[in-house]
């Protein structure tokens, strides 16, 4: 198997848009989990900083992640993200050192 693609994304919403951002990002979860190549997709909110949202994603391949990012709703979010956020989305690609037995 090729190297899995794992990432952590952090989105900091504008305070007045936090609820809207949470609902929008939450709406991505179930459809994304059904995409080919999506092994894990988790959405969190920071306990100490409400309105700071964290994604943890694991994709089978880079091509699977690229296909996800090319979907119309994802393209729309990326084009309009700064309408919702105080700073750009922080993405950290990570190498899983304790892989599951997939």
N, C-alpha and C. Protein backbone atom coordinates (compact mmCIF):
# COMPACT_ATOMS: atom_id res chain seq x y z
N UNK A 1 0.84 -1.19 0.00
CA UNK A 1 0.00 0.00 0.00
C UNK A 1 0.88 1.24 0.00
N UNK A 2 0.48 2.24 -0.79
CA UNK A 2 1.19 3.51 -0.79
C UNK A 2 1.07 4.17 0.58
N UNK A 3 1.91 5.16 0.80
CA UNK A 3 1.86 5.91 2.05
C UNK A 3 0.51 6.60 2.19
N UNK A 4 -0.15 6.42 3.32
CA UNK A 4 -1.39 7.13 3.59
C UNK A 4 -1.12 8.63 3.66
N UNK A 5 -2.13 9.42 3.34
CA UNK A 5 -2.03 10.87 3.45
C UNK A 5 -2.86 11.29 4.65
N UNK A 6 -2.17 11.78 5.68
CA UNK A 6 -2.84 12.20 6.91
C UNK A 6 -2.60 13.68 7.12
N UNK A 7 -3.63 14.36 7.60
CA UNK A 7 -3.46 15.79 7.83
C UNK A 7 -4.33 16.26 8.98
N UNK A 8 -3.89 17.37 9.55
CA UNK A 8 -4.66 18.09 10.55
C UNK A 8 -4.89 19.48 9.98
N UNK A 9 -6.13 19.91 9.99
CA UNK A 9 -6.48 21.25 9.52
C UNK A 9 -7.09 22.04 10.67
N UNK A 10 -6.70 23.32 10.76
CA UNK A 10 -7.23 24.19 11.81
C UNK A 10 -7.84 25.41 11.14
N UNK A 11 -9.11 25.68 11.47
CA UNK A 11 -9.83 26.83 10.93
C UNK A 11 -10.31 27.69 12.09
N UNK A 12 -9.95 28.96 12.06
CA UNK A 12 -10.33 29.90 13.12
C UNK A 12 -11.41 30.83 12.58
N UNK A 13 -12.63 30.65 13.05
CA UNK A 13 -13.74 31.43 12.51
C UNK A 13 -13.76 32.84 13.08
N UNK A 14 -14.35 33.74 12.30
CA UNK A 14 -14.67 35.06 12.83
C UNK A 14 -15.71 34.85 13.92
N UNK A 15 -15.58 35.55 15.06
CA UNK A 15 -16.50 35.29 16.18
C UNK A 15 -17.97 35.38 15.80
N UNK A 16 -18.32 36.34 14.99
CA UNK A 16 -19.72 36.52 14.62
C UNK A 16 -20.23 35.46 13.63
N UNK A 17 -19.33 34.66 13.11
CA UNK A 17 -19.71 33.63 12.15
C UNK A 17 -19.45 32.22 12.66
N UNK A 18 -19.09 32.08 13.92
CA UNK A 18 -18.68 30.78 14.47
C UNK A 18 -19.77 29.71 14.30
N UNK A 19 -21.00 30.03 14.62
CA UNK A 19 -22.06 29.04 14.50
C UNK A 19 -22.27 28.64 13.04
N UNK A 20 -22.25 29.61 12.18
CA UNK A 20 -22.42 29.35 10.75
C UNK A 20 -21.28 28.48 10.21
N UNK A 21 -20.06 28.80 10.61
CA UNK A 21 -18.90 28.02 10.17
C UNK A 21 -19.00 26.59 10.70
N UNK A 22 -19.38 26.45 11.97
CA UNK A 22 -19.50 25.11 12.53
C UNK A 22 -20.51 24.29 11.74
N UNK A 23 -21.66 24.87 11.45
CA UNK A 23 -22.70 24.14 10.71
C UNK A 23 -22.22 23.78 9.30
N UNK A 24 -21.53 24.72 8.65
CA UNK A 24 -21.01 24.45 7.31
C UNK A 24 -19.99 23.32 7.33
N UNK A 25 -19.02 23.42 8.21
CA UNK A 25 -17.98 22.40 8.26
C UNK A 25 -18.54 21.05 8.71
N UNK A 26 -19.47 21.07 9.63
CA UNK A 26 -20.11 19.82 10.07
C UNK A 26 -20.86 19.16 8.91
N UNK A 27 -21.41 19.96 8.02
CA UNK A 27 -22.15 19.39 6.87
C UNK A 27 -21.24 18.64 5.92
N UNK A 28 -19.94 18.85 6.00
CA UNK A 28 -18.99 18.15 5.14
C UNK A 28 -18.68 16.73 5.63
N UNK A 29 -18.93 16.46 6.90
CA UNK A 29 -18.43 15.24 7.51
C UNK A 29 -19.02 13.98 6.87
N UNK A 30 -20.31 13.80 6.91
CA UNK A 30 -20.91 12.55 6.43
C UNK A 30 -20.64 12.31 4.95
N UNK A 31 -20.83 13.32 4.07
CA UNK A 31 -20.53 13.05 2.66
C UNK A 31 -19.06 12.69 2.43
N UNK A 32 -18.17 13.35 3.16
CA UNK A 32 -16.74 13.07 2.98
C UNK A 32 -16.41 11.67 3.43
N UNK A 33 -16.98 11.22 4.52
CA UNK A 33 -16.71 9.87 5.00
C UNK A 33 -17.14 8.80 4.00
N UNK A 34 -18.04 9.13 3.10
CA UNK A 34 -18.52 8.18 2.09
C UNK A 34 -17.68 8.22 0.81
N UNK A 35 -16.75 9.15 0.71
CA UNK A 35 -15.93 9.26 -0.50
C UNK A 35 -14.93 8.10 -0.59
N UNK A 36 -14.68 7.66 -1.83
CA UNK A 36 -13.65 6.63 -2.01
C UNK A 36 -12.31 7.14 -1.48
N UNK A 37 -11.63 6.32 -0.76
CA UNK A 37 -10.30 6.68 -0.28
C UNK A 37 -10.27 7.40 1.05
N UNK A 38 -11.43 7.81 1.56
CA UNK A 38 -11.46 8.46 2.88
C UNK A 38 -11.46 7.37 3.94
N UNK A 39 -10.40 7.29 4.70
CA UNK A 39 -10.29 6.29 5.76
C UNK A 39 -10.76 6.85 7.09
N UNK A 40 -10.47 8.13 7.35
CA UNK A 40 -10.90 8.78 8.58
C UNK A 40 -11.13 10.25 8.28
N UNK A 41 -12.17 10.80 8.90
CA UNK A 41 -12.48 12.22 8.74
C UNK A 41 -13.21 12.65 10.00
N UNK A 42 -12.54 13.42 10.83
CA UNK A 42 -13.08 13.81 12.13
C UNK A 42 -13.05 15.33 12.27
N UNK A 43 -14.09 15.87 12.87
CA UNK A 43 -14.26 17.31 13.03
C UNK A 43 -14.40 17.63 14.52
N UNK A 44 -13.62 18.58 15.00
CA UNK A 44 -13.59 18.92 16.42
C UNK A 44 -13.69 20.44 16.60
N UNK A 45 -14.10 20.84 17.80
CA UNK A 45 -14.03 22.25 18.19
C UNK A 45 -13.16 22.33 19.44
N UNK A 46 -12.27 23.30 19.45
CA UNK A 46 -11.37 23.50 20.58
C UNK A 46 -12.18 23.82 21.83
N UNK A 47 -11.89 23.14 22.94
CA UNK A 47 -12.61 23.36 24.19
C UNK A 47 -12.29 24.70 24.83
N UNK A 48 -11.08 25.19 24.63
CA UNK A 48 -10.67 26.45 25.26
C UNK A 48 -10.87 27.65 24.37
N UNK A 49 -11.02 27.43 23.07
CA UNK A 49 -11.22 28.51 22.11
C UNK A 49 -12.39 28.17 21.20
N UNK A 50 -13.61 28.42 21.65
CA UNK A 50 -14.75 28.16 20.78
C UNK A 50 -14.59 28.92 19.46
N UNK A 51 -15.01 28.28 18.39
CA UNK A 51 -14.85 28.88 17.07
C UNK A 51 -13.56 28.50 16.39
N UNK A 52 -12.72 27.73 17.08
CA UNK A 52 -11.51 27.17 16.47
C UNK A 52 -11.82 25.70 16.20
N UNK A 53 -11.82 25.34 14.91
CA UNK A 53 -12.23 24.01 14.49
C UNK A 53 -11.03 23.24 13.95
N UNK A 54 -10.99 21.95 14.28
CA UNK A 54 -9.86 21.11 13.92
C UNK A 54 -10.38 19.87 13.18
N UNK A 55 -9.78 19.60 12.04
CA UNK A 55 -10.06 18.39 11.28
C UNK A 55 -8.89 17.44 11.39
N UNK A 56 -9.19 16.18 11.45
CA UNK A 56 -8.18 15.13 11.34
C UNK A 56 -8.65 14.22 10.22
N UNK A 57 -7.81 14.06 9.19
CA UNK A 57 -8.19 13.30 8.02
C UNK A 57 -7.11 12.29 7.66
N UNK A 58 -7.54 11.13 7.19
CA UNK A 58 -6.62 10.13 6.65
C UNK A 58 -7.21 9.67 5.33
N UNK A 59 -6.39 9.75 4.29
CA UNK A 59 -6.78 9.37 2.94
C UNK A 59 -5.88 8.25 2.44
N UNK A 60 -6.44 7.37 1.67
CA UNK A 60 -5.70 6.23 1.13
C UNK A 60 -4.54 6.69 0.25
N UNK A 61 -4.79 7.71 -0.60
CA UNK A 61 -3.74 8.22 -1.50
C UNK A 61 -3.89 9.73 -1.67
N UNK A 62 -2.87 10.34 -2.20
CA UNK A 62 -2.93 11.77 -2.52
C UNK A 62 -4.00 12.02 -3.58
N UNK A 63 -4.15 11.10 -4.52
CA UNK A 63 -5.18 11.26 -5.56
C UNK A 63 -6.58 11.30 -4.94
N UNK A 64 -6.82 10.50 -3.90
CA UNK A 64 -8.12 10.53 -3.21
C UNK A 64 -8.36 11.89 -2.54
N UNK A 65 -7.34 12.42 -1.89
CA UNK A 65 -7.46 13.74 -1.28
C UNK A 65 -7.68 14.80 -2.35
N UNK A 66 -6.94 14.72 -3.44
CA UNK A 66 -7.10 15.69 -4.53
C UNK A 66 -8.51 15.66 -5.10
N UNK A 67 -9.07 14.46 -5.24
CA UNK A 67 -10.45 14.33 -5.75
C UNK A 67 -11.43 14.97 -4.78
N UNK A 68 -11.21 14.80 -3.49
CA UNK A 68 -12.05 15.42 -2.47
C UNK A 68 -11.99 16.95 -2.59
N UNK A 69 -10.80 17.48 -2.71
CA UNK A 69 -10.63 18.93 -2.77
C UNK A 69 -11.19 19.53 -4.06
N UNK A 70 -11.35 18.72 -5.10
CA UNK A 70 -11.88 19.19 -6.38
C UNK A 70 -13.41 19.20 -6.42
N UNK A 71 -14.07 18.64 -5.42
CA UNK A 71 -15.54 18.62 -5.40
C UNK A 71 -16.08 20.05 -5.32
N UNK A 72 -17.23 20.30 -5.95
CA UNK A 72 -17.76 21.67 -5.99
C UNK A 72 -17.93 22.33 -4.62
N UNK A 73 -18.43 21.62 -3.62
CA UNK A 73 -18.62 22.25 -2.31
C UNK A 73 -17.29 22.58 -1.65
N UNK A 74 -16.27 21.78 -1.92
CA UNK A 74 -14.95 22.09 -1.36
C UNK A 74 -14.32 23.27 -2.09
N UNK A 75 -14.45 23.30 -3.40
CA UNK A 75 -13.94 24.44 -4.18
C UNK A 75 -14.61 25.73 -3.72
N UNK A 76 -15.93 25.68 -3.51
CA UNK A 76 -16.66 26.86 -3.05
C UNK A 76 -16.15 27.32 -1.68
N UNK A 77 -15.96 26.36 -0.77
CA UNK A 77 -15.43 26.73 0.54
C UNK A 77 -14.06 27.37 0.42
N UNK A 78 -13.16 26.77 -0.35
CA UNK A 78 -11.81 27.31 -0.46
C UNK A 78 -11.80 28.69 -1.08
N UNK A 79 -12.69 28.93 -2.02
CA UNK A 79 -12.75 30.25 -2.66
C UNK A 79 -13.29 31.31 -1.70
N UNK A 80 -14.20 30.93 -0.80
CA UNK A 80 -14.85 31.90 0.08
C UNK A 80 -14.39 31.80 1.54
N UNK A 81 -13.39 31.00 1.83
CA UNK A 81 -13.02 30.72 3.21
C UNK A 81 -12.70 31.97 4.02
N UNK A 82 -12.10 32.97 3.42
CA UNK A 82 -11.71 34.15 4.18
C UNK A 82 -12.91 35.03 4.53
N UNK A 83 -14.08 34.74 3.95
CA UNK A 83 -15.31 35.41 4.39
C UNK A 83 -15.68 34.94 5.79
N UNK A 84 -15.26 33.74 6.15
CA UNK A 84 -15.63 33.10 7.41
C UNK A 84 -14.54 33.12 8.47
N UNK A 85 -13.29 33.21 8.04
CA UNK A 85 -12.16 32.93 8.93
C UNK A 85 -11.35 34.18 9.25
N UNK A 86 -10.70 34.17 10.41
CA UNK A 86 -9.82 35.29 10.79
C UNK A 86 -8.43 35.14 10.18
N UNK A 87 -7.99 33.91 9.99
CA UNK A 87 -6.71 33.61 9.34
C UNK A 87 -6.93 32.43 8.41
N UNK A 88 -6.03 32.24 7.49
CA UNK A 88 -6.19 31.14 6.55
C UNK A 88 -6.12 29.80 7.27
N UNK A 89 -6.72 28.81 6.67
CA UNK A 89 -6.71 27.46 7.23
C UNK A 89 -5.25 27.00 7.37
N UNK A 90 -4.93 26.49 8.53
CA UNK A 90 -3.60 25.92 8.75
C UNK A 90 -3.69 24.43 8.47
N UNK A 91 -2.85 23.96 7.56
CA UNK A 91 -2.81 22.54 7.22
C UNK A 91 -1.46 21.98 7.62
N UNK A 92 -1.51 20.86 8.32
CA UNK A 92 -0.28 20.14 8.69
C UNK A 92 -0.42 18.72 8.19
N UNK A 93 0.46 18.36 7.29
CA UNK A 93 0.49 16.97 6.82
C UNK A 93 1.38 16.21 7.77
N UNK A 94 0.87 15.08 8.23
CA UNK A 94 1.57 14.32 9.26
C UNK A 94 1.78 12.89 8.79
N UNK A 95 2.80 12.27 9.34
CA UNK A 95 3.11 10.88 9.03
C UNK A 95 2.67 10.02 10.21
N UNK A 96 1.69 9.17 9.99
CA UNK A 96 1.18 8.34 11.07
C UNK A 96 2.25 7.34 11.50
N UNK A 97 2.61 7.39 12.76
CA UNK A 97 3.63 6.49 13.28
C UNK A 97 3.02 5.30 14.00
N UNK A 98 1.72 5.34 14.23
CA UNK A 98 1.03 4.21 14.90
C UNK A 98 -0.15 3.79 14.07
N UNK A 99 0.09 3.28 12.85
CA UNK A 99 -1.01 2.97 11.93
C UNK A 99 -1.93 1.88 12.45
N UNK A 100 -3.16 1.97 12.00
CA UNK A 100 -4.14 0.94 12.28
C UNK A 100 -3.89 -0.23 11.36
N UNK A 101 -4.50 -1.34 11.62
CA UNK A 101 -4.29 -2.54 10.81
C UNK A 101 -5.14 -2.60 9.56
N UNK A 102 -5.27 -1.49 8.84
CA UNK A 102 -6.06 -1.47 7.59
C UNK A 102 -5.41 -2.32 6.54
